Amino acid sequence: MAAAHLSAEEVAAIFAAADADGDGLLDREEFLSLVHEAQKEEDDISCLREAFAMYAAAEGEQCITPAGLMRMLSRLGSHDELGMEDCSAMICRFDLNGDGVLSFDEFRVMMHDGLM
C-alpha cells in the first residue's frame, strides 16, 4: 500500500479503520496491526505478480493473451479441453479496457474474485 497513490480520503478511511478504539489516534497495537496488514497486502501483490509473470512470460509481454492463457493452462495440465475461444472468453470477462488481453491490474481483479 503506497501512500503516494492514496487520496486524502483513502488515507482517512484507512486511519479510521485502524483506529479500533475510535479515539482519533493510533496507539502502538493499532499501528502495528496497520503495518502488519500493509505487509500482508504487499506479500499478496508480490505473489500475484509472480503468478502473472508465469502467464505473461509465454508471450514475452506485460499482458496475458488468450494464446498465453491457453498455453499455460495446458502446461499446468488443467483445462485441456479449452480452446482459443474459451480462453478469449475468460479474458474478456475481466478485460476492463477492452483491449483483448489482461494487464496486471485486470489479473489482480480476476484473482481477487477467485474466478480463475
PDB file of N, CA and C in Angstrom:
ATOM      1  N   MET A   1       0.854  -1.162   0.000  1.00  0.00           N
ATOM      2  CA  MET A   1       0.000   0.000   0.000  1.00  0.00           C
ATOM      3  C   MET A   1       0.906   1.232   0.000  1.00  0.00           C
ATOM      4  N   ALA A   2       1.075   1.860  -1.124  1.00  0.00           N
ATOM      5  CA  ALA A   2       1.963   3.004  -1.249  1.00  0.00           C
ATOM      6  C   ALA A   2       1.188   4.294  -1.009  1.00  0.00           C
ATOM      7  N   ALA A   3       1.638   5.080  -0.045  1.00  0.00           N
ATOM      8  CA  ALA A   3       0.934   6.307   0.327  1.00  0.00           C
ATOM      9  C   ALA A   3       0.872   7.299  -0.824  1.00  0.00           C
ATOM     10  N   ALA A   4       1.844   7.276  -1.706  1.00  0.00           N
ATOM     11  CA  ALA A   4       1.863   8.218  -2.821  1.00  0.00           C
ATOM     12  C   ALA A   4       0.684   8.012  -3.766  1.00  0.00           C
ATOM     13  N   HIS A   5       0.061   6.850  -3.714  1.00  0.00           N
ATOM     14  CA  HIS A   5      -1.037   6.533  -4.609  1.00  0.00           C
ATOM     15  C   HIS A   5      -2.397   6.657  -3.939  1.00  0.00           C
ATOM     16  N   LEU A   6      -2.447   7.159  -2.717  1.00  0.00           N
ATOM     17  CA  LEU A   6      -3.699   7.259  -1.981  1.00  0.00           C
ATOM     18  C   LEU A   6      -4.159   8.707  -1.883  1.00  0.00           C
ATOM     19  N   SER A   7      -5.459   8.896  -2.019  1.00  0.00           N
ATOM     20  CA  SER A   7      -6.016  10.236  -1.824  1.00  0.00           C
ATOM     21  C   SER A   7      -6.142  10.503  -0.324  1.00  0.00           C
ATOM     22  N   ALA A   8      -6.383  11.744   0.031  1.00  0.00           N
ATOM     23  CA  ALA A   8      -6.572  12.110   1.440  1.00  0.00           C
ATOM     24  C   ALA A   8      -7.762  11.350   2.029  1.00  0.00           C
ATOM     25  N   GLU A   9      -8.795  11.159   1.223  1.00  0.00           N
ATOM     26  CA  GLU A   9      -9.974  10.430   1.688  1.00  0.00           C
ATOM     27  C   GLU A   9      -9.639   8.964   1.961  1.00  0.00           C
ATOM     28  N   GLU A  10      -8.827   8.361   1.090  1.00  0.00           N
ATOM     29  CA  GLU A  10      -8.435   6.967   1.292  1.00  0.00           C
ATOM     30  C   GLU A  10      -7.581   6.811   2.544  1.00  0.00           C
ATOM     31  N   VAL A  11      -6.672   7.759   2.760  1.00  0.00           N
ATOM     32  CA  VAL A  11      -5.831   7.723   3.955  1.00  0.00           C
ATOM     33  C   VAL A  11      -6.700   7.861   5.201  1.00  0.00           C
ATOM     34  N   ALA A  12      -7.667   8.769   5.169  1.00  0.00           N
ATOM     35  CA  ALA A  12      -8.565   8.957   6.312  1.00  0.00           C
ATOM     36  C   ALA A  12      -9.363   7.685   6.585  1.00  0.00           C
ATOM     37  N   ALA A  13      -9.823   7.016   5.539  1.00  0.00           N
ATOM     38  CA  ALA A  13     -10.591   5.777   5.706  1.00  0.00           C
ATOM     39  C   ALA A  13      -9.723   4.673   6.303  1.00  0.00           C
ATOM     40  N   ILE A  14      -8.491   4.558   5.838  1.00  0.00           N
ATOM     41  CA  ILE A  14      -7.562   3.554   6.369  1.00  0.00           C
ATOM     42  C   ILE A  14      -7.281   3.838   7.840  1.00  0.00           C
ATOM     43  N   PHE A  15      -7.030   5.095   8.138  1.00  0.00           N
ATOM     44  CA  PHE A  15      -6.762   5.507   9.521  1.00  0.00           C
ATOM     45  C   PHE A  15      -7.959   5.189  10.414  1.00  0.00           C
ATOM     46  N   ALA A  16      -9.147   5.531   9.959  1.00  0.00           N
ATOM     47  CA  ALA A  16     -10.359   5.286  10.749  1.00  0.00           C
ATOM     48  C   ALA A  16     -10.564   3.793  10.984  1.00  0.00           C
ATOM     49  N   ALA A  17     -10.295   2.980   9.975  1.00  0.00           N
ATOM     50  CA  ALA A  17     -10.444   1.535  10.119  1.00  0.00           C
ATOM     51  C   ALA A  17      -9.419   0.969  11.105  1.00  0.00           C
ATOM     52  N   ALA A  18      -8.231   1.545  11.143  1.00  0.00           N
ATOM     53  CA  ALA A  18      -7.179   1.069  12.041  1.00  0.00           C
ATOM     54  C   ALA A  18      -7.389   1.549  13.473  1.00  0.00           C
ATOM     55  N   ASP A  19      -8.114   2.638  13.649  1.00  0.00           N
ATOM     56  CA  ASP A  19      -8.359   3.224  14.976  1.00  0.00           C
ATOM     57  C   ASP A  19      -9.463   2.429  15.675  1.00  0.00           C
ATOM     58  N   ALA A  20      -9.078   1.266  16.210  1.00  0.00           N
ATOM     59  CA  ALA A  20     -10.048   0.315  16.766  1.00  0.00           C
ATOM     60  C   ALA A  20     -10.855   0.894  17.926  1.00  0.00           C
ATOM     61  N   ASP A  21     -10.241   1.748  18.753  1.00  0.00           N
ATOM     62  CA  ASP A  21     -10.969   2.282  19.906  1.00  0.00           C
ATOM     63  C   ASP A  21     -11.661   3.610  19.613  1.00  0.00           C
ATOM     64  N   GLY A  22     -11.480   4.125  18.384  1.00  0.00           N
ATOM     65  CA  GLY A  22     -12.190   5.324  17.966  1.00  0.00           C
ATOM     66  C   GLY A  22     -11.782   6.605  18.651  1.00  0.00           C
ATOM     67  N   ASP A  23     -10.564   6.637  19.205  1.00  0.00           N
ATOM     68  CA  ASP A  23     -10.130   7.847  19.911  1.00  0.00           C
ATOM     69  C   ASP A  23      -9.464   8.880  19.014  1.00  0.00           C
ATOM     70  N   GLY A  24      -9.382   8.600  17.710  1.00  0.00           N
ATOM     71  CA  GLY A  24      -8.770   9.548  16.785  1.00  0.00           C
ATOM     72  C   GLY A  24      -7.257   9.461  16.738  1.00  0.00           C
ATOM     73  N   LEU A  25      -6.691   8.512  17.454  1.00  0.00           N
ATOM     74  CA  LEU A  25      -5.238   8.306  17.494  1.00  0.00           C
ATOM     75  C   LEU A  25      -4.935   6.834  17.271  1.00  0.00           C
ATOM     76  N   LEU A  26      -3.737   6.559  16.781  1.00  0.00           N
ATOM     77  CA  LEU A  26      -3.308   5.167  16.648  1.00  0.00           C
ATOM     78  C   LEU A  26      -2.344   4.869  17.783  1.00  0.00           C
ATOM     79  N   ASP A  27      -2.720   3.929  18.653  1.00  0.00           N
ATOM     80  CA  ASP A  27      -1.778   3.507  19.683  1.00  0.00           C
ATOM     81  C   ASP A  27      -0.824   2.488  19.065  1.00  0.00           C
ATOM     82  N   ARG A  28       0.087   1.992  19.840  1.00  0.00           N
ATOM     83  CA  ARG A  28       1.119   1.072  19.342  1.00  0.00           C
ATOM     84  C   ARG A  28       0.488  -0.161  18.691  1.00  0.00           C
ATOM     85  N   GLU A  29      -0.470  -0.783  19.349  1.00  0.00           N
ATOM     86  CA  GLU A  29      -1.091  -2.001  18.814  1.00  0.00           C
ATOM     87  C   GLU A  29      -1.850  -1.725  17.521  1.00  0.00           C
ATOM     88  N   GLU A  30      -2.565  -0.611  17.466  1.00  0.00           N
ATOM     89  CA  GLU A  30      -3.303  -0.258  16.253  1.00  0.00           C
ATOM     90  C   GLU A  30      -2.331   0.007  15.101  1.00  0.00           C
ATOM     91  N   PHE A  31      -1.240   0.698  15.403  1.00  0.00           N
ATOM     92  CA  PHE A  31      -0.242   0.982  14.383  1.00  0.00           C
ATOM     93  C   PHE A  31       0.399  -0.305  13.871  1.00  0.00           C
ATOM     94  N   LEU A  32       0.787  -1.197  14.812  1.00  0.00           N
ATOM     95  CA  LEU A  32       1.404  -2.462  14.399  1.00  0.00           C
ATOM     96  C   LEU A  32       0.444  -3.318  13.590  1.00  0.00           C
ATOM     97  N   SER A  33      -0.822  -3.290  13.931  1.00  0.00           N
ATOM     98  CA  SER A  33      -1.834  -4.020  13.161  1.00  0.00           C
ATOM     99  C   SER A  33      -1.930  -3.459  11.747  1.00  0.00           C
ATOM    100  N   LEU A  34      -1.910  -2.137  11.629  1.00  0.00           N
ATOM    101  CA  LEU A  34      -1.953  -1.486  10.320  1.00  0.00           C
ATOM    102  C   LEU A  34      -0.732  -1.859   9.483  1.00  0.00           C
ATOM    103  N   VAL A  35       0.449  -1.841  10.098  1.00  0.00           N
ATOM    104  CA  VAL A  35       1.685  -2.205   9.393  1.00  0.00           C
ATOM    105  C   VAL A  35       1.626  -3.671   8.955  1.00  0.00           C
ATOM    106  N   HIS A  36       1.114  -4.540   9.844  1.00  0.00           N
ATOM    107  CA  HIS A  36       1.003  -5.965   9.516  1.00  0.00           C
ATOM    108  C   HIS A  36       0.078  -6.161   8.311  1.00  0.00           C
ATOM    109  N   GLU A  37      -1.046  -5.479   8.295  1.00  0.00           N
ATOM    110  CA  GLU A  37      -1.981  -5.594   7.168  1.00  0.00           C
ATOM    111  C   GLU A  37      -1.353  -5.077   5.877  1.00  0.00           C
ATOM    112  N   ALA A  38      -0.609  -3.972   5.969  1.00  0.00           N
ATOM    113  CA  ALA A  38       0.057  -3.422   4.781  1.00  0.00           C
ATOM    114  C   ALA A  38       1.093  -4.410   4.247  1.00  0.00           C
ATOM    115  N   GLN A  39       1.848  -5.058   5.151  1.00  0.00           N
ATOM    116  CA  GLN A  39       2.850  -6.042   4.730  1.00  0.00           C
ATOM    117  C   GLN A  39       2.175  -7.251   4.097  1.00  0.00           C
ATOM    118  N   LYS A  40       1.067  -7.685   4.674  1.00  0.00           N
ATOM    119  CA  LYS A  40       0.329  -8.823   4.120  1.00  0.00           C
ATOM    120  C   LYS A  40      -0.158  -8.495   2.714  1.00  0.00           C
ATOM    121  N   GLU A  41      -0.692  -7.289   2.526  1.00  0.00           N
ATOM    122  CA  GLU A  41      -1.156  -6.884   1.200  1.00  0.00           C
ATOM    123  C   GLU A  41       0.004  -6.838   0.208  1.00  0.00           C
ATOM    124  N   GLU A  42       1.157  -6.339   0.655  1.00  0.00           N
ATOM    125  CA  GLU A  42       2.333  -6.281  -0.219  1.00  0.00           C
ATOM    126  C   GLU A  42       2.791  -7.690  -0.603  1.00  0.00           C
ATOM    127  N   ASP A  43       2.759  -8.621   0.354  1.00  0.00           N
ATOM    128  CA  ASP A  43       3.120 -10.010   0.068  1.00  0.00           C
ATOM    129  C   ASP A  43       2.147 -10.632  -0.931  1.00  0.00           C
ATOM    130  N   ASP A  44       0.856 -10.343  -0.755  1.00  0.00           N
ATOM    131  CA  ASP A  44      -0.156 -10.857  -1.676  1.00  0.00           C
ATOM    132  C   ASP A  44       0.081 -10.335  -3.093  1.00  0.00           C
ATOM    133  N   ILE A  45       0.404  -9.059  -3.204  1.00  0.00           N
ATOM    134  CA  ILE A  45       0.663  -8.465  -4.520  1.00  0.00           C
ATOM    135  C   ILE A  45       1.900  -9.087  -5.143  1.00  0.00           C
ATOM    136  N   SER A  46       2.921  -9.345  -4.333  1.00  0.00           N
ATOM    137  CA  SER A  46       4.138  -9.971  -4.840  1.00  0.00           C
ATOM    138  C   SER A  46       3.840 -11.366  -5.393  1.00  0.00           C
ATOM    139  N   CYS A  47       3.019 -12.139  -4.681  1.00  0.00           N
ATOM    140  CA  CYS A  47       2.634 -13.469  -5.159  1.00  0.00           C
ATOM    141  C   CYS A  47       1.834 -13.374  -6.454  1.00  0.00           C
ATOM    142  N   LEU A  48       0.939 -12.395  -6.521  1.00  0.00           N
ATOM    143  CA  LEU A  48       0.160 -12.207  -7.743  1.00  0.00           C
ATOM    144  C   LEU A  48       1.054 -11.832  -8.917  1.00  0.00           C
ATOM    145  N   ARG A  49       2.064 -10.994  -8.666  1.00  0.00           N
ATOM    146  CA  ARG A  49       2.991 -10.619  -9.744  1.00  0.00           C
ATOM    147  C   ARG A  49       3.734 -11.840 -10.275  1.00  0.00           C
ATOM    148  N   GLU A  50       4.130 -12.748  -9.371  1.00  0.00           N
ATOM    149  CA  GLU A  50       4.802 -13.968  -9.801  1.00  0.00           C
ATOM    150  C   GLU A  50       3.876 -14.834 -10.652  1.00  0.00           C
ATOM    151  N   ALA A  51       2.636 -14.977 -10.207  1.00  0.00           N
ATOM    152  CA  ALA A  51       1.664 -15.767 -10.972  1.00  0.00           C
ATOM    153  C   ALA A  51       1.402 -15.120 -12.328  1.00  0.00           C
ATOM    154  N   PHE A  52       1.236 -13.807 -12.342  1.00  0.00           N
ATOM    155  CA  PHE A  52       1.003 -13.080 -13.590  1.00  0.00           C
ATOM    156  C   PHE A  52       2.169 -13.309 -14.559  1.00  0.00           C
ATOM    157  N   ALA A  53       3.390 -13.252 -14.042  1.00  0.00           N
ATOM    158  CA  ALA A  53       4.575 -13.429 -14.886  1.00  0.00           C
ATOM    159  C   ALA A  53       4.599 -14.808 -15.531  1.00  0.00           C
ATOM    160  N   MET A  54       4.080 -15.823 -14.834  1.00  0.00           N
ATOM    161  CA  MET A  54       4.035 -17.169 -15.423  1.00  0.00           C
ATOM    162  C   MET A  54       3.176 -17.174 -16.676  1.00  0.00           C
ATOM    163  N   TYR A  55       2.055 -16.504 -16.639  1.00  0.00           N
ATOM    164  CA  TYR A  55       1.151 -16.457 -17.793  1.00  0.00           C
ATOM    165  C   TYR A  55       1.658 -15.496 -18.864  1.00  0.00           C
ATOM    166  N   ALA A  56       2.180 -14.356 -18.443  1.00  0.00           N
ATOM    167  CA  ALA A  56       2.626 -13.338 -19.400  1.00  0.00           C
ATOM    168  C   ALA A  56       3.946 -13.719 -20.059  1.00  0.00           C
ATOM    169  N   ALA A  57       4.801 -14.454 -19.366  1.00  0.00           N
ATOM    170  CA  ALA A  57       6.126 -14.794 -19.897  1.00  0.00           C
ATOM    171  C   ALA A  57       6.030 -15.614 -21.179  1.00  0.00           C
ATOM    172  N   ALA A  58       4.968 -16.362 -21.315  1.00  0.00           N
ATOM    173  CA  ALA A  58       4.818 -17.181 -22.520  1.00  0.00           C
ATOM    174  C   ALA A  58       4.786 -16.316 -23.765  1.00  0.00           C
ATOM    175  N   GLU A  59       4.351 -15.106 -23.645  1.00  0.00           N
ATOM    176  CA  GLU A  59       4.270 -14.191 -24.775  1.00  0.00           C
ATOM    177  C   GLU A  59       5.396 -13.159 -24.768  1.00  0.00           C
ATOM    178  N   GLY A  60       6.149 -13.083 -23.674  1.00  0.00           N
ATOM    179  CA  GLY A  60       7.184 -12.069 -23.564  1.00  0.00           C
ATOM    180  C   GLY A  60       6.593 -10.669 -23.460  1.00  0.00           C
ATOM    181  N   GLU A  61       5.369 -10.582 -23.013  1.00  0.00           N
ATOM    182  CA  GLU A  61       4.643  -9.312 -22.930  1.00  0.00           C
ATOM    183  C   GLU A  61       4.353  -8.980 -21.473  1.00  0.00           C
ATOM    184  N   GLN A  62       3.812  -7.828 -21.263  1.00  0.00           N
ATOM    185  CA  GLN A  62       3.364  -7.415 -19.940  1.00  0.00           C
ATOM    186  C   GLN A  62       1.850  -7.572 -19.834  1.00  0.00           C
ATOM    187  N   CYS A  63       1.341  -8.596 -20.509  1.00  0.00           N
ATOM    188  CA  CYS A  63      -0.091  -8.865 -20.502  1.00  0.00           C
ATOM    189  C   CYS A  63      -0.294 -10.355 -20.737  1.00  0.00           C
ATOM    190  N   ILE A  64      -1.503 -10.797 -20.447  1.00  0.00           N
ATOM    191  CA  ILE A  64      -1.873 -12.185 -20.699  1.00  0.00           C
ATOM    192  C   ILE A  64      -2.788 -12.202 -21.911  1.00  0.00           C
ATOM    193  N   THR A  65      -2.369 -12.927 -22.932  1.00  0.00           N
ATOM    194  CA  THR A  65      -3.163 -13.056 -24.152  1.00  0.00           C
ATOM    195  C   THR A  65      -3.948 -14.370 -24.095  1.00  0.00           C
ATOM    196  N   PRO A  66      -4.962 -14.527 -24.945  1.00  0.00           N
ATOM    197  CA  PRO A  66      -5.664 -15.812 -24.990  1.00  0.00           C
ATOM    198  C   PRO A  66      -4.716 -16.976 -25.294  1.00  0.00           C
ATOM    199  N   ALA A  67      -3.774 -16.777 -26.203  1.00  0.00           N
ATOM    200  CA  ALA A  67      -2.819 -17.848 -26.537  1.00  0.00           C
ATOM    201  C   ALA A  67      -1.935 -18.180 -25.345  1.00  0.00           C
ATOM    202  N   GLY A  68      -1.475 -17.154 -24.627  1.00  0.00           N
ATOM    203  CA  GLY A  68      -0.648 -17.381 -23.445  1.00  0.00           C
ATOM    204  C   GLY A  68      -1.410 -18.094 -22.353  1.00  0.00           C
ATOM    205  N   LEU A  69      -2.672 -17.718 -22.172  1.00  0.00           N
ATOM    206  CA  LEU A  69      -3.511 -18.376 -21.176  1.00  0.00           C
ATOM    207  C   LEU A  69      -3.714 -19.841 -21.537  1.00  0.00           C
ATOM    208  N   MET A  70      -4.023 -20.121 -22.789  1.00  0.00           N
ATOM    209  CA  MET A  70      -4.251 -21.494 -23.235  1.00  0.00           C
ATOM    210  C   MET A  70      -2.978 -22.327 -23.062  1.00  0.00           C
ATOM    211  N   ARG A  71      -1.851 -21.756 -23.441  1.00  0.00           N
ATOM    212  CA  ARG A  71      -0.571 -22.469 -23.329  1.00  0.00           C
ATOM    213  C   ARG A  71      -0.261 -22.794 -21.870  1.00  0.00           C
ATOM    214  N   MET A  72      -0.452 -21.826 -20.967  1.00  0.00           N
ATOM    215  CA  MET A  72      -0.111 -22.046 -19.573  1.00  0.00           C
ATOM    216  C   MET A  72      -1.068 -23.035 -18.916  1.00  0.00           C
ATOM    217  N   LEU A  73      -2.361 -22.928 -19.210  1.00  0.00           N
ATOM    218  CA  LEU A  73      -3.313 -23.888 -18.651  1.00  0.00           C
ATOM    219  C   LEU A  73      -3.003 -25.300 -19.124  1.00  0.00           C
ATOM    220  N   SER A  74      -2.564 -25.421 -20.370  1.00  0.00           N
ATOM    221  CA  SER A  74      -2.187 -26.723 -20.904  1.00  0.00           C
ATOM    222  C   SER A  74      -0.947 -27.258 -20.183  1.00  0.00           C
ATOM    223  N   ARG A  75       0.031 -26.408 -19.952  1.00  0.00           N
ATOM    224  CA  ARG A  75       1.248 -26.809 -19.240  1.00  0.00           C
ATOM    225  C   ARG A  75       0.942 -27.250 -17.817  1.00  0.00           C
ATOM    226  N   LEU A  76      -0.038 -26.600 -17.214  1.00  0.00           N
ATOM    227  CA  LEU A  76      -0.416 -26.952 -15.844  1.00  0.00           C
ATOM    228  C   LEU A  76      -1.235 -28.237 -15.795  1.00  0.00           C
ATOM    229  N   GLY A  77      -1.619 -28.736 -16.980  1.00  0.00           N
ATOM    230  CA  GLY A  77      -2.350 -29.984 -17.054  1.00  0.00           C
ATOM    231  C   GLY A  77      -3.820 -29.855 -16.720  1.00  0.00           C
ATOM    232  N   SER A  78      -4.294 -28.644 -16.764  1.00  0.00           N
ATOM    233  CA  SER A  78      -5.714 -28.445 -16.485  1.00  0.00           C
ATOM    234  C   SER A  78      -6.374 -27.799 -17.693  1.00  0.00           C
ATOM    235  N   HIS A  79      -7.639 -28.016 -17.804  1.00  0.00           N
ATOM    236  CA  HIS A  79      -8.433 -27.379 -18.851  1.00  0.00           C
ATOM    237  C   HIS A  79      -7.929 -27.717 -20.251  1.00  0.00           C
ATOM    238  N   ASP A  80      -7.498 -28.959 -20.460  1.00  0.00           N
ATOM    239  CA  ASP A  80      -7.007 -29.364 -21.778  1.00  0.00           C
ATOM    240  C   ASP A  80      -8.069 -29.212 -22.861  1.00  0.00           C
ATOM    241  N   GLU A  81      -9.322 -29.248 -22.444  1.00  0.00           N
ATOM    242  CA  GLU A  81     -10.407 -29.152 -23.422  1.00  0.00           C
ATOM    243  C   GLU A  81     -10.690 -27.717 -23.846  1.00  0.00           C
ATOM    244  N   LEU A  82     -10.061 -26.738 -23.209  1.00  0.00           N
ATOM    245  CA  LEU A  82     -10.314 -25.343 -23.558  1.00  0.00           C
ATOM    246  C   LEU A  82      -9.600 -24.965 -24.851  1.00  0.00           C
ATOM    247  N   GLY A  83     -10.322 -24.285 -25.711  1.00  0.00           N
ATOM    248  CA  GLY A  83      -9.744 -23.788 -26.952  1.00  0.00           C
ATOM    249  C   GLY A  83      -9.493 -22.293 -26.868  1.00  0.00           C
ATOM    250  N   MET A  84      -9.050 -21.737 -27.974  1.00  0.00           N
ATOM    251  CA  MET A  84      -8.732 -20.318 -28.026  1.00  0.00           C
ATOM    252  C   MET A  84      -9.969 -19.466 -27.714  1.00  0.00           C
ATOM    253  N   GLU A  85     -11.130 -19.865 -28.237  1.00  0.00           N
ATOM    254  CA  GLU A  85     -12.356 -19.095 -27.967  1.00  0.00           C
ATOM    255  C   GLU A  85     -12.694 -19.093 -26.483  1.00  0.00           C
ATOM    256  N   ASP A  86     -12.496 -20.234 -25.815  1.00  0.00           N
ATOM    257  CA  ASP A  86     -12.757 -20.317 -24.378  1.00  0.00           C
ATOM    258  C   ASP A  86     -11.824 -19.391 -23.601  1.00  0.00           C
ATOM    259  N   CYS A  87     -10.561 -19.396 -23.984  1.00  0.00           N
ATOM    260  CA  CYS A  87      -9.586 -18.544 -23.304  1.00  0.00           C
ATOM    261  C   CYS A  87      -9.878 -17.072 -23.565  1.00  0.00           C
ATOM    262  N   SER A  88     -10.291 -16.747 -24.776  1.00  0.00           N
ATOM    263  CA  SER A  88     -10.678 -15.364 -25.085  1.00  0.00           C
ATOM    264  C   SER A  88     -11.864 -14.943 -24.229  1.00  0.00           C
ATOM    265  N   ALA A  89     -12.820 -15.855 -24.066  1.00  0.00           N
ATOM    266  CA  ALA A  89     -13.996 -15.550 -23.247  1.00  0.00           C
ATOM    267  C   ALA A  89     -13.609 -15.340 -21.789  1.00  0.00           C
ATOM    268  N   MET A  90     -12.667 -16.149 -21.284  1.00  0.00           N
ATOM    269  CA  MET A  90     -12.201 -15.980 -19.906  1.00  0.00           C
ATOM    270  C   MET A  90     -11.559 -14.612 -19.725  1.00  0.00           C
ATOM    271  N   ILE A  91     -10.741 -14.223 -20.688  1.00  0.00           N
ATOM    272  CA  ILE A  91     -10.066 -12.931 -20.617  1.00  0.00           C
ATOM    273  C   ILE A  91     -11.067 -11.796 -20.759  1.00  0.00           C
ATOM    274  N   CYS A  92     -11.995 -11.945 -21.678  1.00  0.00           N
ATOM    275  CA  CYS A  92     -12.981 -10.894 -21.948  1.00  0.00           C
ATOM    276  C   CYS A  92     -13.757 -10.507 -20.689  1.00  0.00           C
ATOM    277  N   ARG A  93     -14.024 -11.480 -19.858  1.00  0.00           N
ATOM    278  CA  ARG A  93     -14.804 -11.230 -18.638  1.00  0.00           C
ATOM    279  C   ARG A  93     -14.130 -10.220 -17.712  1.00  0.00           C
ATOM    280  N   PHE A  94     -12.802 -10.172 -17.718  1.00  0.00           N
ATOM    281  CA  PHE A  94     -12.060  -9.275 -16.826  1.00  0.00           C
ATOM    282  C   PHE A  94     -11.255  -8.216 -17.569  1.00  0.00           C
ATOM    283  N   ASP A  95     -11.417  -8.155 -18.878  1.00  0.00           N
ATOM    284  CA  ASP A  95     -10.707  -7.179 -19.709  1.00  0.00           C
ATOM    285  C   ASP A  95     -11.416  -5.827 -19.597  1.00  0.00           C
ATOM    286  N   LEU A  96     -11.048  -5.066 -18.599  1.00  0.00           N
ATOM    287  CA  LEU A  96     -11.760  -3.833 -18.269  1.00  0.00           C
ATOM    288  C   LEU A  96     -11.644  -2.751 -19.335  1.00  0.00           C
ATOM    289  N   ASN A  97     -10.525  -2.727 -20.064  1.00  0.00           N
ATOM    290  CA  ASN A  97     -10.360  -1.686 -21.075  1.00  0.00           C
ATOM    291  C   ASN A  97     -10.657  -2.175 -22.497  1.00  0.00           C
ATOM    292  N   GLY A  98     -11.045  -3.445 -22.640  1.00  0.00           N
ATOM    293  CA  GLY A  98     -11.474  -3.961 -23.932  1.00  0.00           C
ATOM    294  C   GLY A  98     -10.377  -4.169 -24.957  1.00  0.00           C
ATOM    295  N   ASP A  99      -9.113  -4.311 -24.519  1.00  0.00           N
ATOM    296  CA  ASP A  99      -8.029  -4.480 -25.489  1.00  0.00           C
ATOM    297  C   ASP A  99      -7.742  -5.941 -25.836  1.00  0.00           C
ATOM    298  N   GLY A 100      -8.508  -6.871 -25.269  1.00  0.00           N
ATOM    299  CA  GLY A 100      -8.356  -8.284 -25.622  1.00  0.00           C
ATOM    300  C   GLY A 100      -7.307  -9.041 -24.840  1.00  0.00           C
ATOM    301  N   VAL A 101      -6.639  -8.375 -23.914  1.00  0.00           N
ATOM    302  CA  VAL A 101      -5.618  -9.004 -23.081  1.00  0.00           C
ATOM    303  C   VAL A 101      -5.820  -8.546 -21.634  1.00  0.00           C
ATOM    304  N   LEU A 102      -5.145  -9.236 -20.715  1.00  0.00           N
ATOM    305  CA  LEU A 102      -5.230  -8.846 -19.310  1.00  0.00           C
ATOM    306  C   LEU A 102      -3.940  -8.163 -18.868  1.00  0.00           C
ATOM    307  N   SER A 103      -4.078  -6.968 -18.336  1.00  0.00           N
ATOM    308  CA  SER A 103      -2.956  -6.296 -17.683  1.00  0.00           C
ATOM    309  C   SER A 103      -2.835  -6.851 -16.270  1.00  0.00           C
ATOM    310  N   PHE A 104      -1.798  -6.462 -15.540  1.00  0.00           N
ATOM    311  CA  PHE A 104      -1.659  -6.933 -14.163  1.00  0.00           C
ATOM    312  C   PHE A 104      -2.839  -6.488 -13.307  1.00  0.00           C
ATOM    313  N   ASP A 105      -3.291  -5.252 -13.463  1.00  0.00           N
ATOM    314  CA  ASP A 105      -4.415  -4.772 -12.660  1.00  0.00           C
ATOM    315  C   ASP A 105      -5.683  -5.566 -12.938  1.00  0.00           C
ATOM    316  N   GLU A 106      -5.921  -5.911 -14.193  1.00  0.00           N
ATOM    317  CA  GLU A 106      -7.090  -6.721 -14.540  1.00  0.00           C
ATOM    318  C   GLU A 106      -6.942  -8.146 -13.981  1.00  0.00           C
ATOM    319  N   PHE A 107      -5.729  -8.682 -14.040  1.00  0.00           N
ATOM    320  CA  PHE A 107      -5.446 -10.002 -13.486  1.00  0.00           C
ATOM    321  C   PHE A 107      -5.705 -10.008 -11.981  1.00  0.00           C
ATOM    322  N   ARG A 108      -5.294  -8.938 -11.311  1.00  0.00           N
ATOM    323  CA  ARG A 108      -5.491  -8.835  -9.871  1.00  0.00           C
ATOM    324  C   ARG A 108      -6.982  -8.835  -9.524  1.00  0.00           C
ATOM    325  N   VAL A 109      -7.786  -8.114 -10.311  1.00  0.00           N
ATOM    326  CA  VAL A 109      -9.244  -8.117 -10.099  1.00  0.00           C
ATOM    327  C   VAL A 109      -9.772  -9.529 -10.278  1.00  0.00           C
ATOM    328  N   MET A 110      -9.318 -10.201 -11.326  1.00  0.00           N
ATOM    329  CA  MET A 110      -9.782 -11.552 -11.608  1.00  0.00           C
ATOM    330  C   MET A 110      -9.428 -12.495 -10.450  1.00  0.00           C
ATOM    331  N   MET A 111      -8.216 -12.433  -9.975  1.00  0.00           N
ATOM    332  CA  MET A 111      -7.781 -13.331  -8.904  1.00  0.00           C
ATOM    333  C   MET A 111      -8.464 -12.977  -7.582  1.00  0.00           C
ATOM    334  N   HIS A 112      -8.729 -11.712  -7.378  1.00  0.00           N
ATOM    335  CA  HIS A 112      -9.425 -11.300  -6.155  1.00  0.00           C
ATOM    336  C   HIS A 112     -10.822 -11.896  -6.132  1.00  0.00           C
ATOM    337  N   ASP A 113     -11.462 -11.959  -7.273  1.00  0.00           N
ATOM    338  CA  ASP A 113     -12.806 -12.528  -7.354  1.00  0.00           C
ATOM    339  C   ASP A 113     -12.767 -14.052  -7.319  1.00  0.00           C
ATOM    340  N   GLY A 114     -11.538 -14.631  -7.436  1.00  0.00           N
ATOM    341  CA  GLY A 114     -11.366 -16.068  -7.335  1.00  0.00           C
ATOM    342  C   GLY A 114     -12.019 -16.865  -8.438  1.00  0.00           C
ATOM    343  N   LEU A 115     -12.075 -16.295  -9.621  1.00  0.00           N
ATOM    344  CA  LEU A 115     -12.788 -16.963 -10.697  1.00  0.00           C
ATOM    345  C   LEU A 115     -11.870 -17.695 -11.662  1.00  0.00           C
ATOM    346  N   MET A 116     -10.606 -17.775 -11.369  1.00  0.00           N
ATOM    347  CA  MET A 116      -9.734 -18.498 -12.275  1.00  0.00           C
ATOM    348  C   MET A 116      -8.939 -19.503 -11.501  1.00  0.00           C
TER     349      MET A 116
END
